[in-house]
């Protein structure tokens, strides 16, 4: 079984992410960086649902440094319907992280969530 590059770089966090249904061969975490919008949408949906009610999973996402990627997805200015769906689900995911503990909220603020949300005030869910 081959591990993805992300898992090799952050192998100490793999046990945390196993609770997030992270599979080494087809990790949706890797799909967050896909240039294919449909893969990115699916990855964000899976991530969003995995974070509900779990500060441990939110912590793992923050520790892996995925918050800046989520914020960059939110900030993208595309007009397709799948892009709109992606951005709304990213906003929900970031909101879930914000409902975590103080450290997770600080990570969002430090990563630039406030300006990103102000610039995306047009999002409708």
PDB file of N, CA and C in Angstrom:
ATOM      1  N   UNK A   1       0.840  -1.174   0.000  1.00  0.00           N
ATOM      2  CA  UNK A   1       0.000   0.000   0.000  1.00  0.00           C
ATOM      3  C   UNK A   1       0.891   1.246   0.000  1.00  0.00           C
ATOM      4  N   UNK A   2       0.708   2.143  -0.954  1.00  0.00           N
ATOM      5  CA  UNK A   2       1.516   3.348  -1.053  1.00  0.00           C
ATOM      6  C   UNK A   2       0.861   4.483  -0.287  1.00  0.00           C
ATOM      7  N   UNK A   3       1.670   5.244   0.414  1.00  0.00           N
ATOM      8  CA  UNK A   3       1.171   6.431   1.099  1.00  0.00           C
ATOM      9  C   UNK A   3       1.335   7.630   0.197  1.00  0.00           C
ATOM     10  N   UNK A   4       0.407   8.542   0.279  1.00  0.00           N
ATOM     11  CA  UNK A   4       0.520   9.764  -0.514  1.00  0.00           C
ATOM     12  C   UNK A   4       1.637  10.630   0.055  1.00  0.00           C
ATOM     13  N   UNK A   5       2.114  11.560  -0.732  1.00  0.00           N
ATOM     14  CA  UNK A   5       3.167  12.473  -0.312  1.00  0.00           C
ATOM     15  C   UNK A   5       2.745  13.248   0.932  1.00  0.00           C
ATOM     16  N   UNK A   6       1.492  13.664   0.991  1.00  0.00           N
ATOM     17  CA  UNK A   6       1.000  14.405   2.148  1.00  0.00           C
ATOM     18  C   UNK A   6       1.135  13.567   3.414  1.00  0.00           C
ATOM     19  N   UNK A   7       0.807  12.287   3.326  1.00  0.00           N
ATOM     20  CA  UNK A   7       0.905  11.424   4.497  1.00  0.00           C
ATOM     21  C   UNK A   7       2.346  11.174   4.907  1.00  0.00           C
ATOM     22  N   UNK A   8       3.241  11.100   3.936  1.00  0.00           N
ATOM     23  CA  UNK A   8       4.648  10.912   4.268  1.00  0.00           C
ATOM     24  C   UNK A   8       5.206  12.132   4.980  1.00  0.00           C
ATOM     25  N   UNK A   9       4.791  13.317   4.544  1.00  0.00           N
ATOM     26  CA  UNK A   9       5.271  14.553   5.160  1.00  0.00           C
ATOM     27  C   UNK A   9       4.700  14.749   6.563  1.00  0.00           C
ATOM     28  N   UNK A  10       3.493  14.289   6.773  1.00  0.00           N
ATOM     29  CA  UNK A  10       2.801  14.514   8.038  1.00  0.00           C
ATOM     30  C   UNK A  10       2.407  13.198   8.696  1.00  0.00           C
ATOM     31  N   UNK A  11       3.293  12.205   8.644  1.00  0.00           N
ATOM     32  CA  UNK A  11       2.930  10.879   9.106  1.00  0.00           C
ATOM     33  C   UNK A  11       2.550  10.843  10.579  1.00  0.00           C
ATOM     34  N   UNK A  12       3.012  11.802  11.372  1.00  0.00           N
ATOM     35  CA  UNK A  12       2.622  11.794  12.770  1.00  0.00           C
ATOM     36  C   UNK A  12       1.151  12.146  12.961  1.00  0.00           C
ATOM     37  N   UNK A  13       0.513  12.739  11.958  1.00  0.00           N
ATOM     38  CA  UNK A  13      -0.891  13.096  12.071  1.00  0.00           C
ATOM     39  C   UNK A  13      -1.819  12.064  11.437  1.00  0.00           C
ATOM     40  N   UNK A  14      -1.274  11.052  10.791  1.00  0.00           N
ATOM     41  CA  UNK A  14      -2.103  10.043  10.140  1.00  0.00           C
ATOM     42  C   UNK A  14      -3.049   9.364  11.131  1.00  0.00           C
ATOM     43  N   UNK A  15      -2.595   9.005  12.364  1.00  0.00           N
ATOM     44  CA  UNK A  15      -3.556   8.397  13.294  1.00  0.00           C
ATOM     45  C   UNK A  15      -4.745   9.312  13.586  1.00  0.00           C
ATOM     46  N   UNK A  16      -4.520  10.624  13.694  1.00  0.00           N
ATOM     47  CA  UNK A  16      -5.632  11.548  13.900  1.00  0.00           C
ATOM     48  C   UNK A  16      -6.582  11.543  12.711  1.00  0.00           C
ATOM     49  N   UNK A  17      -6.009  11.498  11.519  1.00  0.00           N
ATOM     50  CA  UNK A  17      -6.836  11.591  10.324  1.00  0.00           C
ATOM     51  C   UNK A  17      -7.563  10.301  10.011  1.00  0.00           C
ATOM     52  N   UNK A  18      -7.173   9.194  10.619  1.00  0.00           N
ATOM     53  CA  UNK A  18      -7.907   7.966  10.371  1.00  0.00           C
ATOM     54  C   UNK A  18      -9.329   8.087  10.890  1.00  0.00           C
ATOM     55  N   UNK A  19      -9.542   8.922  11.904  1.00  0.00           N
ATOM     56  CA  UNK A  19     -10.897   9.202  12.365  1.00  0.00           C
ATOM     57  C   UNK A  19     -11.663  10.024  11.331  1.00  0.00           C
ATOM     58  N   UNK A  20     -10.948  10.673  10.421  1.00  0.00           N
ATOM     59  CA  UNK A  20     -11.552  11.505   9.393  1.00  0.00           C
ATOM     60  C   UNK A  20     -11.765  10.679   8.122  1.00  0.00           C
ATOM     61  N   UNK A  21     -11.763   9.369   8.254  1.00  0.00           N
ATOM     62  CA  UNK A  21     -11.942   8.449   7.134  1.00  0.00           C
ATOM     63  C   UNK A  21     -10.897   8.676   6.051  1.00  0.00           C
ATOM     64  N   UNK A  22      -9.664   8.859   6.459  1.00  0.00           N
ATOM     65  CA  UNK A  22      -8.580   9.129   5.522  1.00  0.00           C
ATOM     66  C   UNK A  22      -7.977   7.816   5.053  1.00  0.00           C
ATOM     67  N   UNK A  23      -8.048   7.543   3.784  1.00  0.00           N
ATOM     68  CA  UNK A  23      -7.516   6.320   3.222  1.00  0.00           C
ATOM     69  C   UNK A  23      -6.238   6.640   2.463  1.00  0.00           C
ATOM     70  N   UNK A  24      -5.123   5.964   2.794  1.00  0.00           N
ATOM     71  CA  UNK A  24      -3.837   6.303   2.201  1.00  0.00           C
ATOM     72  C   UNK A  24      -3.812   6.306   0.683  1.00  0.00           C
ATOM     73  N   UNK A  25      -4.558   5.447   0.037  1.00  0.00           N
ATOM     74  CA  UNK A  25      -4.465   5.370  -1.422  1.00  0.00           C
ATOM     75  C   UNK A  25      -5.388   6.353  -2.126  1.00  0.00           C
ATOM     76  N   UNK A  26      -6.456   6.761  -1.489  1.00  0.00           N
ATOM     77  CA  UNK A  26      -7.393   7.672  -2.157  1.00  0.00           C
ATOM     78  C   UNK A  26      -7.841   8.763  -1.186  1.00  0.00           C
ATOM     79  N   UNK A  27      -6.892   9.463  -0.660  1.00  0.00           N
ATOM     80  CA  UNK A  27      -7.169  10.464   0.353  1.00  0.00           C
ATOM     81  C   UNK A  27      -7.891  11.678  -0.226  1.00  0.00           C
ATOM     82  N   UNK A  28      -9.038  11.998   0.377  1.00  0.00           N
ATOM     83  CA  UNK A  28      -9.734  13.207  -0.073  1.00  0.00           C
ATOM     84  C   UNK A  28      -8.981  14.449   0.379  1.00  0.00           C
ATOM     85  N   UNK A  29      -8.079  14.304   1.333  1.00  0.00           N
ATOM     86  CA  UNK A  29      -7.245  15.440   1.724  1.00  0.00           C
ATOM     87  C   UNK A  29      -6.414  15.887   0.523  1.00  0.00           C
ATOM     88  N   UNK A  30      -5.842  14.924  -0.189  1.00  0.00           N
ATOM     89  CA  UNK A  30      -5.061  15.250  -1.383  1.00  0.00           C
ATOM     90  C   UNK A  30      -5.916  15.924  -2.448  1.00  0.00           C
ATOM     91  N   UNK A  31      -7.187  15.543  -2.516  1.00  0.00           N
ATOM     92  CA  UNK A  31      -8.085  16.096  -3.537  1.00  0.00           C
ATOM     93  C   UNK A  31      -8.397  17.573  -3.304  1.00  0.00           C
ATOM     94  N   UNK A  32      -8.156  18.081  -2.101  1.00  0.00           N
ATOM     95  CA  UNK A  32      -8.348  19.514  -1.854  1.00  0.00           C
ATOM     96  C   UNK A  32      -7.429  20.354  -2.734  1.00  0.00           C
ATOM     97  N   UNK A  33      -6.351  19.736  -3.211  1.00  0.00           N
ATOM     98  CA  UNK A  33      -5.369  20.441  -4.032  1.00  0.00           C
ATOM     99  C   UNK A  33      -5.512  20.110  -5.513  1.00  0.00           C
ATOM    100  N   UNK A  34      -6.575  19.405  -5.867  1.00  0.00           N
ATOM    101  CA  UNK A  34      -6.799  19.013  -7.252  1.00  0.00           C
ATOM    102  C   UNK A  34      -7.174  20.225  -8.102  1.00  0.00           C
ATOM    103  N   UNK A  35      -6.736  20.205  -9.345  1.00  0.00           N
ATOM    104  CA  UNK A  35      -7.130  21.264 -10.274  1.00  0.00           C
ATOM    105  C   UNK A  35      -8.516  20.977 -10.855  1.00  0.00           C
ATOM    106  N   UNK A  36      -9.023  19.772 -10.650  1.00  0.00           N
ATOM    107  CA  UNK A  36     -10.371  19.419 -11.103  1.00  0.00           C
ATOM    108  C   UNK A  36     -11.374  19.850 -10.041  1.00  0.00           C
ATOM    109  N   UNK A  37     -12.233  20.770 -10.409  1.00  0.00           N
ATOM    110  CA  UNK A  37     -13.165  21.348  -9.454  1.00  0.00           C
ATOM    111  C   UNK A  37     -14.095  20.308  -8.837  1.00  0.00           C
ATOM    112  N   UNK A  38     -14.533  19.338  -9.618  1.00  0.00           N
ATOM    113  CA  UNK A  38     -15.446  18.325  -9.086  1.00  0.00           C
ATOM    114  C   UNK A  38     -14.787  17.500  -7.980  1.00  0.00           C
ATOM    115  N   UNK A  39     -13.510  17.200  -8.128  1.00  0.00           N
ATOM    116  CA  UNK A  39     -12.789  16.461  -7.085  1.00  0.00           C
ATOM    117  C   UNK A  39     -12.647  17.312  -5.832  1.00  0.00           C
ATOM    118  N   UNK A  40     -12.405  18.582  -6.038  1.00  0.00           N
ATOM    119  CA  UNK A  40     -12.257  19.507  -4.919  1.00  0.00           C
ATOM    120  C   UNK A  40     -13.584  19.641  -4.158  1.00  0.00           C
ATOM    121  N   UNK A  41     -14.682  19.735  -4.882  1.00  0.00           N
ATOM    122  CA  UNK A  41     -16.009  19.828  -4.261  1.00  0.00           C
ATOM    123  C   UNK A  41     -16.264  18.586  -3.415  1.00  0.00           C
ATOM    124  N   UNK A  42     -16.008  17.415  -3.957  1.00  0.00           N
ATOM    125  CA  UNK A  42     -16.220  16.162  -3.229  1.00  0.00           C
ATOM    126  C   UNK A  42     -15.343  16.109  -1.984  1.00  0.00           C
ATOM    127  N   UNK A  43     -14.098  16.536  -2.100  1.00  0.00           N
ATOM    128  CA  UNK A  43     -13.186  16.528  -0.956  1.00  0.00           C
ATOM    129  C   UNK A  43     -13.674  17.460   0.147  1.00  0.00           C
ATOM    130  N   UNK A  44     -14.141  18.633  -0.230  1.00  0.00           N
ATOM    131  CA  UNK A  44     -14.627  19.589   0.762  1.00  0.00           C
ATOM    132  C   UNK A  44     -15.886  19.047   1.440  1.00  0.00           C
ATOM    133  N   UNK A  45     -16.765  18.414   0.688  1.00  0.00           N
ATOM    134  CA  UNK A  45     -17.967  17.829   1.290  1.00  0.00           C
ATOM    135  C   UNK A  45     -17.603  16.754   2.306  1.00  0.00           C
ATOM    136  N   UNK A  46     -16.699  15.870   1.945  1.00  0.00           N
ATOM    137  CA  UNK A  46     -16.286  14.814   2.869  1.00  0.00           C
ATOM    138  C   UNK A  46     -15.610  15.410   4.097  1.00  0.00           C
ATOM    139  N   UNK A  47     -14.791  16.410   3.888  1.00  0.00           N
ATOM    140  CA  UNK A  47     -14.131  17.074   5.004  1.00  0.00           C
ATOM    141  C   UNK A  47     -15.156  17.743   5.911  1.00  0.00           C
ATOM    142  N   UNK A  48     -16.096  18.444   5.312  1.00  0.00           N
ATOM    143  CA  UNK A  48     -17.130  19.145   6.078  1.00  0.00           C
ATOM    144  C   UNK A  48     -17.878  18.178   6.989  1.00  0.00           C
ATOM    145  N   UNK A  49     -18.313  17.052   6.457  1.00  0.00           N
ATOM    146  CA  UNK A  49     -19.073  16.095   7.252  1.00  0.00           C
ATOM    147  C   UNK A  49     -18.220  15.410   8.309  1.00  0.00           C
ATOM    148  N   UNK A  50     -16.941  15.245   8.041  1.00  0.00           N
ATOM    149  CA  UNK A  50     -16.073  14.575   9.010  1.00  0.00           C
ATOM    150  C   UNK A  50     -15.759  15.453  10.226  1.00  0.00           C
ATOM    151  N   UNK A  51     -15.879  16.765  10.075  1.00  0.00           N
ATOM    152  CA  UNK A  51     -15.529  17.680  11.160  1.00  0.00           C
ATOM    153  C   UNK A  51     -16.658  17.900  12.159  1.00  0.00           C
ATOM    154  N   UNK A  52     -17.853  17.548  11.791  1.00  0.00           N
ATOM    155  CA  UNK A  52     -19.015  17.844  12.638  1.00  0.00           C
ATOM    156  C   UNK A  52     -18.836  17.202  14.010  1.00  0.00           C
ATOM    157  N   UNK A  53     -18.793  18.043  15.031  1.00  0.00           N
ATOM    158  CA  UNK A  53     -18.739  17.582  16.407  1.00  0.00           C
ATOM    159  C   UNK A  53     -17.422  16.987  16.870  1.00  0.00           C
ATOM    160  N   UNK A  54     -16.357  17.148  16.115  1.00  0.00           N
ATOM    161  CA  UNK A  54     -15.087  16.539  16.512  1.00  0.00           C
ATOM    162  C   UNK A  54     -13.962  17.563  16.553  1.00  0.00           C
ATOM    163  N   UNK A  55     -13.640  18.023  17.752  1.00  0.00           N
ATOM    164  CA  UNK A  55     -12.510  18.953  17.894  1.00  0.00           C
ATOM    165  C   UNK A  55     -11.194  18.280  17.542  1.00  0.00           C
ATOM    166  N   UNK A  56     -11.106  16.976  17.754  1.00  0.00           N
ATOM    167  CA  UNK A  56      -9.877  16.254  17.415  1.00  0.00           C
ATOM    168  C   UNK A  56      -9.618  16.316  15.907  1.00  0.00           C
ATOM    169  N   UNK A  57     -10.658  16.130  15.119  1.00  0.00           N
ATOM    170  CA  UNK A  57     -10.509  16.180  13.669  1.00  0.00           C
ATOM    171  C   UNK A  57     -10.236  17.608  13.199  1.00  0.00           C
ATOM    172  N   UNK A  58     -10.886  18.562  13.829  1.00  0.00           N
ATOM    173  CA  UNK A  58     -10.616  19.969  13.492  1.00  0.00           C
ATOM    174  C   UNK A  58      -9.160  20.307  13.791  1.00  0.00           C
ATOM    175  N   UNK A  59      -8.683  19.823  14.925  1.00  0.00           N
ATOM    176  CA  UNK A  59      -7.286  20.050  15.299  1.00  0.00           C
ATOM    177  C   UNK A  59      -6.341  19.445  14.253  1.00  0.00           C
ATOM    178  N   UNK A  60      -6.643  18.245  13.798  1.00  0.00           N
ATOM    179  CA  UNK A  60      -5.788  17.588  12.796  1.00  0.00           C
ATOM    180  C   UNK A  60      -5.739  18.399  11.508  1.00  0.00           C
ATOM    181  N   UNK A  61      -6.865  18.930  11.079  1.00  0.00           N
ATOM    182  CA  UNK A  61      -6.921  19.738   9.853  1.00  0.00           C
ATOM    183  C   UNK A  61      -6.090  21.006  10.015  1.00  0.00           C
ATOM    184  N   UNK A  62      -6.189  21.633  11.185  1.00  0.00           N
ATOM    185  CA  UNK A  62      -5.396  22.840  11.457  1.00  0.00           C
ATOM    186  C   UNK A  62      -3.912  22.487  11.475  1.00  0.00           C
ATOM    187  N   UNK A  63      -3.560  21.411  12.163  1.00  0.00           N
ATOM    188  CA  UNK A  63      -2.152  21.008  12.282  1.00  0.00           C
ATOM    189  C   UNK A  63      -1.545  20.623  10.932  1.00  0.00           C
ATOM    190  N   UNK A  64      -2.351  20.090  10.042  1.00  0.00           N
ATOM    191  CA  UNK A  64      -1.852  19.741   8.706  1.00  0.00           C
ATOM    192  C   UNK A  64      -1.672  20.969   7.821  1.00  0.00           C
ATOM    193  N   UNK A  65      -2.140  22.117   8.287  1.00  0.00           N
ATOM    194  CA  UNK A  65      -1.978  23.346   7.515  1.00  0.00           C
ATOM    195  C   UNK A  65      -2.970  23.477   6.377  1.00  0.00           C
ATOM    196  N   UNK A  66      -4.149  22.881   6.532  1.00  0.00           N
ATOM    197  CA  UNK A  66      -5.141  22.921   5.455  1.00  0.00           C
ATOM    198  C   UNK A  66      -6.026  24.159   5.491  1.00  0.00           C
ATOM    199  N   UNK A  67      -5.998  24.903   6.586  1.00  0.00           N
ATOM    200  CA  UNK A  67      -6.840  26.102   6.685  1.00  0.00           C
ATOM    201  C   UNK A  67      -6.499  27.117   5.588  1.00  0.00           C
ATOM    202  N   UNK A  68      -5.228  27.429   5.338  1.00  0.00           N
ATOM    203  CA  UNK A  68      -4.936  28.371   4.250  1.00  0.00           C
ATOM    204  C   UNK A  68      -5.463  27.892   2.889  1.00  0.00           C
ATOM    205  N   UNK A  69      -5.414  26.580   2.628  1.00  0.00           N
ATOM    206  CA  UNK A  69      -5.942  26.058   1.366  1.00  0.00           C
ATOM    207  C   UNK A  69      -7.454  26.270   1.290  1.00  0.00           C
ATOM    208  N   UNK A  70      -8.149  26.014   2.389  1.00  0.00           N
ATOM    209  CA  UNK A  70      -9.593  26.232   2.408  1.00  0.00           C
ATOM    210  C   UNK A  70      -9.918  27.707   2.184  1.00  0.00           C
ATOM    211  N   UNK A  71      -9.153  28.579   2.810  1.00  0.00           N
ATOM    212  CA  UNK A  71      -9.388  30.016   2.637  1.00  0.00           C
ATOM    213  C   UNK A  71      -9.105  30.430   1.199  1.00  0.00           C
ATOM    214  N   UNK A  72      -8.078  29.862   0.580  1.00  0.00           N
ATOM    215  CA  UNK A  72      -7.796  30.209  -0.822  1.00  0.00           C
ATOM    216  C   UNK A  72      -8.916  29.714  -1.746  1.00  0.00           C
ATOM    217  N   UNK A  73      -9.510  28.571  -1.427  1.00  0.00           N
ATOM    218  CA  UNK A  73     -10.654  28.093  -2.223  1.00  0.00           C
ATOM    219  C   UNK A  73     -11.842  29.031  -2.069  1.00  0.00           C
ATOM    220  N   UNK A  74     -12.027  29.542  -0.869  1.00  0.00           N
ATOM    221  CA  UNK A  74     -13.114  30.487  -0.622  1.00  0.00           C
ATOM    222  C   UNK A  74     -12.894  31.783  -1.397  1.00  0.00           C
ATOM    223  N   UNK A  75     -11.644  32.197  -1.499  1.00  0.00           N
ATOM    224  CA  UNK A  75     -11.321  33.491  -2.113  1.00  0.00           C
ATOM    225  C   UNK A  75     -11.321  33.463  -3.637  1.00  0.00           C
ATOM    226  N   UNK A  76     -11.292  32.271  -4.243  1.00  0.00           N
ATOM    227  CA  UNK A  76     -11.254  32.191  -5.709  1.00  0.00           C
ATOM    228  C   UNK A  76     -12.482  32.865  -6.298  1.00  0.00           C
ATOM    229  N   UNK A  77     -12.253  33.606  -7.364  1.00  0.00           N
ATOM    230  CA  UNK A  77     -13.339  34.352  -8.004  1.00  0.00           C
ATOM    231  C   UNK A  77     -13.720  33.676  -9.317  1.00  0.00           C
ATOM    232  N   UNK A  78     -14.552  32.660  -9.211  1.00  0.00           N
ATOM    233  CA  UNK A  78     -15.047  31.954 -10.391  1.00  0.00           C
ATOM    234  C   UNK A  78     -16.564  32.044 -10.382  1.00  0.00           C
ATOM    235  N   UNK A  79     -17.156  31.928 -11.544  1.00  0.00           N
ATOM    236  CA  UNK A  79     -18.599  32.122 -11.613  1.00  0.00           C
ATOM    237  C   UNK A  79     -19.397  30.864 -11.934  1.00  0.00           C
ATOM    238  N   UNK A  80     -18.764  29.710 -12.030  1.00  0.00           N
ATOM    239  CA  UNK A  80     -19.509  28.493 -12.350  1.00  0.00           C
ATOM    240  C   UNK A  80     -20.347  28.052 -11.155  1.00  0.00           C
ATOM    241  N   UNK A  81     -21.392  27.271 -11.429  1.00  0.00           N
ATOM    242  CA  UNK A  81     -22.251  26.806 -10.345  1.00  0.00           C
ATOM    243  C   UNK A  81     -21.515  25.842  -9.428  1.00  0.00           C
ATOM    244  N   UNK A  82     -20.612  25.024  -9.978  1.00  0.00           N
ATOM    245  CA  UNK A  82     -19.852  24.113  -9.111  1.00  0.00           C
ATOM    246  C   UNK A  82     -18.878  24.904  -8.248  1.00  0.00           C
ATOM    247  N   UNK A  83     -18.358  26.005  -8.766  1.00  0.00           N
ATOM    248  CA  UNK A  83     -17.475  26.853  -7.977  1.00  0.00           C
ATOM    249  C   UNK A  83     -18.246  27.493  -6.831  1.00  0.00           C
ATOM    250  N   UNK A  84     -19.450  27.916  -7.109  1.00  0.00           N
ATOM    251  CA  UNK A  84     -20.299  28.489  -6.068  1.00  0.00           C
ATOM    252  C   UNK A  84     -20.605  27.441  -5.004  1.00  0.00           C
ATOM    253  N   UNK A  85     -20.905  26.214  -5.436  1.00  0.00           N
ATOM    254  CA  UNK A  85     -21.161  25.114  -4.504  1.00  0.00           C
ATOM    255  C   UNK A  85     -19.909  24.848  -3.656  1.00  0.00           C
ATOM    256  N   UNK A  86     -18.762  24.867  -4.288  1.00  0.00           N
ATOM    257  CA  UNK A  86     -17.502  24.649  -3.589  1.00  0.00           C
ATOM    258  C   UNK A  86     -17.306  25.711  -2.516  1.00  0.00           C
ATOM    259  N   UNK A  87     -17.484  26.963  -2.881  1.00  0.00           N
ATOM    260  CA  UNK A  87     -17.234  28.051  -1.944  1.00  0.00           C
ATOM    261  C   UNK A  87     -18.215  28.055  -0.773  1.00  0.00           C
ATOM    262  N   UNK A  88     -19.458  27.726  -1.030  1.00  0.00           N
ATOM    263  CA  UNK A  88     -20.438  27.651   0.060  1.00  0.00           C
ATOM    264  C   UNK A  88     -20.053  26.532   1.029  1.00  0.00           C
ATOM    265  N   UNK A  89     -19.653  25.382   0.506  1.00  0.00           N
ATOM    266  CA  UNK A  89     -19.263  24.272   1.374  1.00  0.00           C
ATOM    267  C   UNK A  89     -17.954  24.551   2.105  1.00  0.00           C
ATOM    268  N   UNK A  90     -17.041  25.271   1.469  1.00  0.00           N
ATOM    269  CA  UNK A  90     -15.817  25.694   2.160  1.00  0.00           C
ATOM    270  C   UNK A  90     -16.187  26.628   3.312  1.00  0.00           C
ATOM    271  N   UNK A  91     -17.114  27.546   3.076  1.00  0.00           N
ATOM    272  CA  UNK A  91     -17.540  28.467   4.136  1.00  0.00           C
ATOM    273  C   UNK A  91     -18.147  27.699   5.306  1.00  0.00           C
ATOM    274  N   UNK A  92     -18.975  26.685   5.021  1.00  0.00           N
ATOM    275  CA  UNK A  92     -19.537  25.846   6.091  1.00  0.00           C
ATOM    276  C   UNK A  92     -18.427  25.106   6.849  1.00  0.00           C
ATOM    277  N   UNK A  93     -17.441  24.602   6.117  1.00  0.00           N
ATOM    278  CA  UNK A  93     -16.334  23.870   6.732  1.00  0.00           C
ATOM    279  C   UNK A  93     -15.522  24.782   7.645  1.00  0.00           C
ATOM    280  N   UNK A  94     -15.223  25.969   7.157  1.00  0.00           N
ATOM    281  CA  UNK A  94     -14.490  26.936   7.976  1.00  0.00           C
ATOM    282  C   UNK A  94     -15.305  27.341   9.205  1.00  0.00           C
ATOM    283  N   UNK A  95     -16.615  27.448   9.035  1.00  0.00           N
ATOM    284  CA  UNK A  95     -17.499  27.748  10.165  1.00  0.00           C
ATOM    285  C   UNK A  95     -17.456  26.648  11.212  1.00  0.00           C
ATOM    286  N   UNK A  96     -17.399  25.411  10.763  1.00  0.00           N
ATOM    287  CA  UNK A  96     -17.298  24.279  11.681  1.00  0.00           C
ATOM    288  C   UNK A  96     -15.989  24.337  12.469  1.00  0.00           C
ATOM    289  N   UNK A  97     -14.913  24.670  11.791  1.00  0.00           N
ATOM    290  CA  UNK A  97     -13.620  24.801  12.473  1.00  0.00           C
ATOM    291  C   UNK A  97     -13.690  25.943  13.487  1.00  0.00           C
ATOM    292  N   UNK A  98     -14.370  27.031  13.127  1.00  0.00           N
ATOM    293  CA  UNK A  98     -14.495  28.182  14.023  1.00  0.00           C
ATOM    294  C   UNK A  98     -15.262  27.829  15.294  1.00  0.00           C
ATOM    295  N   UNK A  99     -16.114  26.819  15.221  1.00  0.00           N
ATOM    296  CA  UNK A  99     -16.865  26.394  16.403  1.00  0.00           C
ATOM    297  C   UNK A  99     -16.058  25.458  17.293  1.00  0.00           C
ATOM    298  N   UNK A 100     -14.813  25.249  16.928  1.00  0.00           N
ATOM    299  CA  UNK A 100     -13.938  24.395  17.731  1.00  0.00           C
ATOM    300  C   UNK A 100     -13.420  25.140  18.942  1.00  0.00           C
ATOM    301  N   UNK A 101     -12.188  24.881  19.290  1.00  0.00           N
ATOM    302  CA  UNK A 101     -11.627  25.543  20.467  1.00  0.00           C
ATOM    303  C   UNK A 101     -10.932  26.856  20.079  1.00  0.00           C
ATOM    304  N   UNK A 102     -10.392  27.516  21.080  1.00  0.00           N
ATOM    305  CA  UNK A 102      -9.765  28.820  20.885  1.00  0.00           C
ATOM    306  C   UNK A 102      -8.572  28.763  19.931  1.00  0.00           C
ATOM    307  N   UNK A 103      -7.805  27.695  19.992  1.00  0.00           N
ATOM    308  CA  UNK A 103      -6.635  27.548  19.112  1.00  0.00           C
ATOM    309  C   UNK A 103      -7.065  27.429  17.650  1.00  0.00           C
ATOM    310  N   UNK A 104      -8.152  26.727  17.410  1.00  0.00           N
ATOM    311  CA  UNK A 104      -8.641  26.571  16.038  1.00  0.00           C
ATOM    312  C   UNK A 104      -9.165  27.896  15.501  1.00  0.00           C
ATOM    313  N   UNK A 105      -9.854  28.643  16.338  1.00  0.00           N
ATOM    314  CA  UNK A 105     -10.323  29.963  15.935  1.00  0.00           C
ATOM    315  C   UNK A 105      -9.145  30.891  15.643  1.00  0.00           C
ATOM    316  N   UNK A 106      -8.121  30.831  16.471  1.00  0.00           N
ATOM    317  CA  UNK A 106      -6.922  31.648  16.250  1.00  0.00           C
ATOM    318  C   UNK A 106      -6.256  31.278  14.927  1.00  0.00           C
ATOM    319  N   UNK A 107      -6.210  29.980  14.614  1.00  0.00           N
ATOM    320  CA  UNK A 107      -5.611  29.543  13.346  1.00  0.00           C
ATOM    321  C   UNK A 107      -6.376  30.127  12.156  1.00  0.00           C
ATOM    322  N   UNK A 108      -7.699  30.185  12.261  1.00  0.00           N
ATOM    323  CA  UNK A 108      -8.505  30.781  11.191  1.00  0.00           C
ATOM    324  C   UNK A 108      -8.192  32.266  11.034  1.00  0.00           C
ATOM    325  N   UNK A 109      -8.149  32.966  12.147  1.00  0.00           N
ATOM    326  CA  UNK A 109      -7.883  34.412  12.106  1.00  0.00           C
ATOM    327  C   UNK A 109      -6.486  34.677  11.570  1.00  0.00           C
ATOM    328  N   UNK A 110      -5.509  33.922  12.052  1.00  0.00           N
ATOM    329  CA  UNK A 110      -4.128  34.094  11.600  1.00  0.00           C
ATOM    330  C   UNK A 110      -3.950  33.776  10.119  1.00  0.00           C
ATOM    331  N   UNK A 111      -4.823  32.936   9.587  1.00  0.00           N
ATOM    332  CA  UNK A 111      -4.735  32.544   8.171  1.00  0.00           C
ATOM    333  C   UNK A 111      -5.482  33.502   7.246  1.00  0.00           C
ATOM    334  N   UNK A 112      -6.130  34.505   7.817  1.00  0.00           N
ATOM    335  CA  UNK A 112      -6.783  35.517   6.988  1.00  0.00           C
ATOM    336  C   UNK A 112      -8.247  35.274   6.692  1.00  0.00           C
ATOM    337  N   UNK A 113      -8.957  34.610   7.591  1.00  0.00           N
ATOM    338  CA  UNK A 113     -10.369  34.312   7.354  1.00  0.00           C
ATOM    339  C   UNK A 113     -11.239  35.567   7.284  1.00  0.00           C
ATOM    340  N   UNK A 114     -10.938  36.557   8.117  1.00  0.00           N
ATOM    341  CA  UNK A 114     -11.804  37.745   8.166  1.00  0.00           C
ATOM    342  C   UNK A 114     -11.822  38.478   6.830  1.00  0.00           C
ATOM    343  N   UNK A 115     -10.679  38.848   6.249  1.00  0.00           N
ATOM    344  CA  UNK A 115     -10.730  39.512   4.942  1.00  0.00           C
ATOM    345  C   UNK A 115     -11.359  38.632   3.855  1.00  0.00           C
ATOM    346  N   UNK A 116     -11.100  37.324   3.921  1.00  0.00           N
ATOM    347  CA  UNK A 116     -11.675  36.422   2.914  1.00  0.00           C
ATOM    348  C   UNK A 116     -13.195  36.416   2.992  1.00  0.00           C
ATOM    349  N   UNK A 117     -13.736  36.406   4.194  1.00  0.00           N
ATOM    350  CA  UNK A 117     -15.203  36.413   4.347  1.00  0.00           C
ATOM    351  C   UNK A 117     -15.796  37.752   3.930  1.00  0.00           C
ATOM    352  N   UNK A 118     -15.113  38.827   4.250  1.00  0.00           N
ATOM    353  CA  UNK A 118     -15.608  40.156   3.856  1.00  0.00           C
ATOM    354  C   UNK A 118     -15.646  40.245   2.334  1.00  0.00           C
ATOM    355  N   UNK A 119     -14.623  39.732   1.681  1.00  0.00           N
ATOM    356  CA  UNK A 119     -14.580  39.778   0.222  1.00  0.00           C
ATOM    357  C   UNK A 119     -15.586  38.837  -0.417  1.00  0.00           C
ATOM    358  N   UNK A 120     -16.067  37.830   0.304  1.00  0.00           N
ATOM    359  CA  UNK A 120     -17.029  36.851  -0.233  1.00  0.00           C
ATOM    360  C   UNK A 120     -18.413  37.039   0.353  1.00  0.00           C
ATOM    361  N   UNK A 121     -18.767  38.236   0.738  1.00  0.00           N
ATOM    362  CA  UNK A 121     -20.078  38.486   1.343  1.00  0.00           C
ATOM    363  C   UNK A 121     -21.226  38.167   0.390  1.00  0.00           C
ATOM    364  N   UNK A 122     -20.896  37.916  -0.878  1.00  0.00           N
ATOM    365  CA  UNK A 122     -21.913  37.595  -1.876  1.00  0.00           C
ATOM    366  C   UNK A 122     -22.317  36.124  -1.875  1.00  0.00           C
ATOM    367  N   UNK A 123     -21.674  35.291  -1.067  1.00  0.00           N
ATOM    368  CA  UNK A 123     -21.993  33.858  -1.049  1.00  0.00           C
ATOM    369  C   UNK A 123     -23.418  33.621  -0.555  1.00  0.00           C
ATOM    370  N   UNK A 124     -24.107  32.753  -1.244  1.00  0.00           N
ATOM    371  CA  UNK A 124     -25.459  32.378  -0.839  1.00  0.00           C
ATOM    372  C   UNK A 124     -25.499  30.872  -0.730  1.00  0.00           C
ATOM    373  N   UNK A 125     -26.024  30.350   0.382  1.00  0.00           N
ATOM    374  CA  UNK A 125     -26.037  28.914   0.600  1.00  0.00           C
ATOM    375  C   UNK A 125     -27.402  28.318   0.562  1.00  0.00           C
TER     376      UNK A 125
END
